Amino acid sequence: MSKLLVHIYSHPQMKNNVTMGLLVAVTGLREGHDVEIFFSADGVHLLNCKNENEIVGQGTGDVKVHLDELREGNVKMFVSGMSSRARGYDENLLEGYNAQFAMPDTLINRSFGADSVLCY
């Protein structure tokens, strides 16, 4: 199968963008692709979503539901450490996910290693 990198940087208020990015990642996982996600900029806020119906897109699903499926699928997540710290988050943001803080060079390297990079 293919390697897919989904880069999510949009603010949670951009509900359709962020839920579409997560839906694409979930769909890739379901289809057996090797999926990774890089959260940066305002996209790091998504990992702080704790309840269903908190962030829901129009026809693109619920952030919490998508994140739960990605967690259960053990999808590798990279989270911008600089973006997280600038928004007041620490390592607790990563709790429960197969996630680690990363720098921009990780995004570049993972992009070169992926067959497709999709950005939301």
C-alpha atoms as a PDB file:
ATOM      1  CA  MET A   1       0.000   0.000   0.000  1.00  0.00           C
ATOM      2  CA  SER A   2       0.972   3.661  -0.207  1.00  0.00           C
ATOM      3  CA  LYS A   3       2.487   5.991   2.360  1.00  0.00           C
ATOM      4  CA  LEU A   4       0.246   8.947   3.126  1.00  0.00           C
ATOM      5  CA  LEU A   5       1.199  12.017   5.144  1.00  0.00           C
ATOM      6  CA  VAL A   6      -1.649  14.288   6.223  1.00  0.00           C
ATOM      7  CA  HIS A   7      -0.529  17.734   7.408  1.00  0.00           C
ATOM      8  CA  ILE A   8      -3.158  19.568   9.457  1.00  0.00           C
ATOM      9  CA  TYR A   9      -2.459  23.189  10.349  1.00  0.00           C
ATOM     10  CA  SER A  10      -5.928  24.791  10.280  1.00  0.00           C
ATOM     11  CA  HIS A  11      -7.635  26.236  13.347  1.00  0.00           C
ATOM     12  CA  PRO A  12     -10.475  24.148  14.833  1.00  0.00           C
ATOM     13  CA  GLN A  13     -12.883  26.904  13.777  1.00  0.00           C
ATOM     14  CA  MET A  14     -12.176  25.716  10.222  1.00  0.00           C
ATOM     15  CA  LYS A  15     -14.336  22.687  11.033  1.00  0.00           C
ATOM     16  CA  ASN A  16     -14.722  21.390   7.499  1.00  0.00           C
ATOM     17  CA  ASN A  17     -10.985  21.617   6.788  1.00  0.00           C
ATOM     18  CA  VAL A  18      -9.840  19.853   9.939  1.00  0.00           C
ATOM     19  CA  THR A  19     -12.508  17.159   9.859  1.00  0.00           C
ATOM     20  CA  MET A  20     -11.794  16.504   6.171  1.00  0.00           C
ATOM     21  CA  GLY A  21      -8.087  16.073   6.935  1.00  0.00           C
ATOM     22  CA  LEU A  22      -8.839  13.626   9.717  1.00  0.00           C
ATOM     23  CA  LEU A  23     -11.455  11.821   7.604  1.00  0.00           C
ATOM     24  CA  VAL A  24      -8.895  11.348   4.832  1.00  0.00           C
ATOM     25  CA  ALA A  25      -6.426   9.941   7.376  1.00  0.00           C
ATOM     26  CA  VAL A  26      -9.069   7.574   8.774  1.00  0.00           C
ATOM     27  CA  THR A  27     -10.048   6.476   5.267  1.00  0.00           C
ATOM     28  CA  GLY A  28      -6.418   5.790   4.397  1.00  0.00           C
ATOM     29  CA  LEU A  29      -6.063   3.735   7.570  1.00  0.00           C
ATOM     30  CA  ARG A  30      -9.208   1.729   6.776  1.00  0.00           C
ATOM     31  CA  GLU A  31      -7.902   1.034   3.269  1.00  0.00           C
ATOM     32  CA  GLY A  32      -4.651  -0.337   4.675  1.00  0.00           C
ATOM     33  CA  HIS A  33      -2.332   2.526   3.769  1.00  0.00           C
ATOM     34  CA  ASP A  34       0.597   3.582   5.928  1.00  0.00           C
ATOM     35  CA  VAL A  35      -0.780   6.851   7.363  1.00  0.00           C
ATOM     36  CA  GLU A  36       1.067   9.515   9.344  1.00  0.00           C
ATOM     37  CA  ILE A  37      -0.238  12.871  10.516  1.00  0.00           C
ATOM     38  CA  PHE A  38       1.703  16.056  11.231  1.00  0.00           C
ATOM     39  CA  PHE A  39      -0.154  18.650  13.319  1.00  0.00           C
ATOM     40  CA  SER A  40       1.260  22.167  13.253  1.00  0.00           C
ATOM     41  CA  ALA A  41       0.208  25.769  13.813  1.00  0.00           C
ATOM     42  CA  ASP A  42      -3.410  25.923  15.030  1.00  0.00           C
ATOM     43  CA  GLY A  43      -3.915  22.270  14.102  1.00  0.00           C
ATOM     44  CA  VAL A  44      -2.292  21.256  17.398  1.00  0.00           C
ATOM     45  CA  HIS A  45      -5.485  22.354  19.176  1.00  0.00           C
ATOM     46  CA  LEU A  46      -7.273  19.329  17.693  1.00  0.00           C
ATOM     47  CA  LEU A  47      -5.482  16.926  20.033  1.00  0.00           C
ATOM     48  CA  ASN A  48      -7.077  18.820  22.915  1.00  0.00           C
ATOM     49  CA  CYS A  49     -10.581  17.866  21.701  1.00  0.00           C
ATOM     50  CA  LYS A  50     -12.000  15.704  24.510  1.00  0.00           C
ATOM     51  CA  ASN A  51     -15.697  15.352  23.648  1.00  0.00           C
ATOM     52  CA  GLU A  52     -17.807  14.253  20.728  1.00  0.00           C
ATOM     53  CA  ASN A  53     -19.836  17.039  19.085  1.00  0.00           C
ATOM     54  CA  GLU A  54     -17.197  19.604  20.092  1.00  0.00           C
ATOM     55  CA  ILE A  55     -15.833  20.020  16.539  1.00  0.00           C
ATOM     56  CA  VAL A  56     -18.042  18.629  13.768  1.00  0.00           C
ATOM     57  CA  GLY A  57     -17.777  19.327  10.057  1.00  0.00           C
ATOM     58  CA  GLN A  58     -20.596  19.397   7.543  1.00  0.00           C
ATOM     59  CA  GLY A  59     -20.591  15.863   6.174  1.00  0.00           C
ATOM     60  CA  THR A  60     -16.964  15.299   7.186  1.00  0.00           C
ATOM     61  CA  GLY A  61     -17.446  13.879  10.661  1.00  0.00           C
ATOM     62  CA  ASP A  62     -16.499  14.557  14.248  1.00  0.00           C
ATOM     63  CA  VAL A  63     -12.923  15.334  15.330  1.00  0.00           C
ATOM     64  CA  LYS A  64     -13.171  13.241  18.506  1.00  0.00           C
ATOM     65  CA  VAL A  65     -14.560  10.214  16.649  1.00  0.00           C
ATOM     66  CA  HIS A  66     -11.826  10.475  14.004  1.00  0.00           C
ATOM     67  CA  LEU A  67      -9.086  10.893  16.612  1.00  0.00           C
ATOM     68  CA  ASP A  68     -10.350   7.868  18.528  1.00  0.00           C
ATOM     69  CA  GLU A  69     -10.175   5.713  15.407  1.00  0.00           C
ATOM     70  CA  LEU A  70      -6.689   6.983  14.579  1.00  0.00           C
ATOM     71  CA  ARG A  71      -5.594   6.249  18.155  1.00  0.00           C
ATOM     72  CA  GLU A  72      -7.030   2.731  17.980  1.00  0.00           C
ATOM     73  CA  GLY A  73      -5.232   2.233  14.662  1.00  0.00           C
ATOM     74  CA  ASN A  74      -1.967   3.346  16.298  1.00  0.00           C
ATOM     75  CA  VAL A  75      -1.410   5.962  13.584  1.00  0.00           C
ATOM     76  CA  LYS A  76       1.903   7.755  13.995  1.00  0.00           C
ATOM     77  CA  MET A  77       1.406  11.442  14.793  1.00  0.00           C
ATOM     78  CA  PHE A  78       3.955  14.207  14.797  1.00  0.00           C
ATOM     79  CA  VAL A  79       3.043  17.392  16.629  1.00  0.00           C
ATOM     80  CA  SER A  80       4.919  20.634  16.207  1.00  0.00           C
ATOM     81  CA  GLY A  81       6.622  21.282  19.518  1.00  0.00           C
ATOM     82  CA  MET A  82       7.056  24.959  18.712  1.00  0.00           C
ATOM     83  CA  SER A  83       3.384  25.401  17.802  1.00  0.00           C
ATOM     84  CA  SER A  84       2.285  23.483  20.892  1.00  0.00           C
ATOM     85  CA  ARG A  85       4.426  25.469  23.324  1.00  0.00           C
ATOM     86  CA  ALA A  86       3.368  28.756  21.718  1.00  0.00           C
ATOM     87  CA  ARG A  87      -0.252  27.775  22.399  1.00  0.00           C
ATOM     88  CA  GLY A  88       0.350  26.721  26.003  1.00  0.00           C
ATOM     89  CA  TYR A  89       0.495  22.936  25.594  1.00  0.00           C
ATOM     90  CA  ASP A  90       2.997  20.495  27.062  1.00  0.00           C
ATOM     91  CA  GLU A  91       3.567  16.723  26.710  1.00  0.00           C
ATOM     92  CA  ASN A  92       0.133  16.041  28.219  1.00  0.00           C
ATOM     93  CA  LEU A  93      -1.289  16.962  24.811  1.00  0.00           C
ATOM     94  CA  LEU A  94       0.205  13.750  23.389  1.00  0.00           C
ATOM     95  CA  GLU A  95      -1.192  11.449  26.071  1.00  0.00           C
ATOM     96  CA  GLY A  96      -2.891   8.356  24.693  1.00  0.00           C
ATOM     97  CA  TYR A  97      -1.692   8.881  21.122  1.00  0.00           C
ATOM     98  CA  ASN A  98       1.184   7.329  19.202  1.00  0.00           C
ATOM     99  CA  ALA A  99       2.579  10.853  19.021  1.00  0.00           C
ATOM    100  CA  GLN A 100       5.745  12.808  19.565  1.00  0.00           C
ATOM    101  CA  PHE A 101       6.782  16.423  19.363  1.00  0.00           C
ATOM    102  CA  ALA A 102       8.655  17.246  16.189  1.00  0.00           C
ATOM    103  CA  MET A 103      10.400  20.111  14.466  1.00  0.00           C
ATOM    104  CA  PRO A 104       9.973  21.399  10.881  1.00  0.00           C
ATOM    105  CA  ASP A 105      12.775  19.134   9.618  1.00  0.00           C
ATOM    106  CA  THR A 106      10.593  16.129  10.517  1.00  0.00           C
ATOM    107  CA  LEU A 107       7.780  17.489   8.358  1.00  0.00           C
ATOM    108  CA  ILE A 108      10.199  17.928   5.463  1.00  0.00           C
ATOM    109  CA  ASN A 109      11.725  14.471   5.842  1.00  0.00           C
ATOM    110  CA  ARG A 110       8.361  12.719   6.252  1.00  0.00           C
ATOM    111  CA  SER A 111       7.057  14.594   3.192  1.00  0.00           C
ATOM    112  CA  PHE A 112       9.924  13.318   1.061  1.00  0.00           C
ATOM    113  CA  GLY A 113       9.299   9.782   2.327  1.00  0.00           C
ATOM    114  CA  ALA A 114       5.568   9.784   1.589  1.00  0.00           C
ATOM    115  CA  ASP A 115       3.930   8.814  -1.682  1.00  0.00           C
ATOM    116  CA  SER A 116       1.328  11.570  -1.153  1.00  0.00           C
ATOM    117  CA  VAL A 117       1.131  14.606   1.121  1.00  0.00           C
ATOM    118  CA  LEU A 118      -2.264  16.191   1.753  1.00  0.00           C
ATOM    119  CA  CYS A 119      -2.583  19.486   3.613  1.00  0.00           C
ATOM    120  CA  TYR A 120      -5.557  20.870   5.494  1.00  0.00           C
END
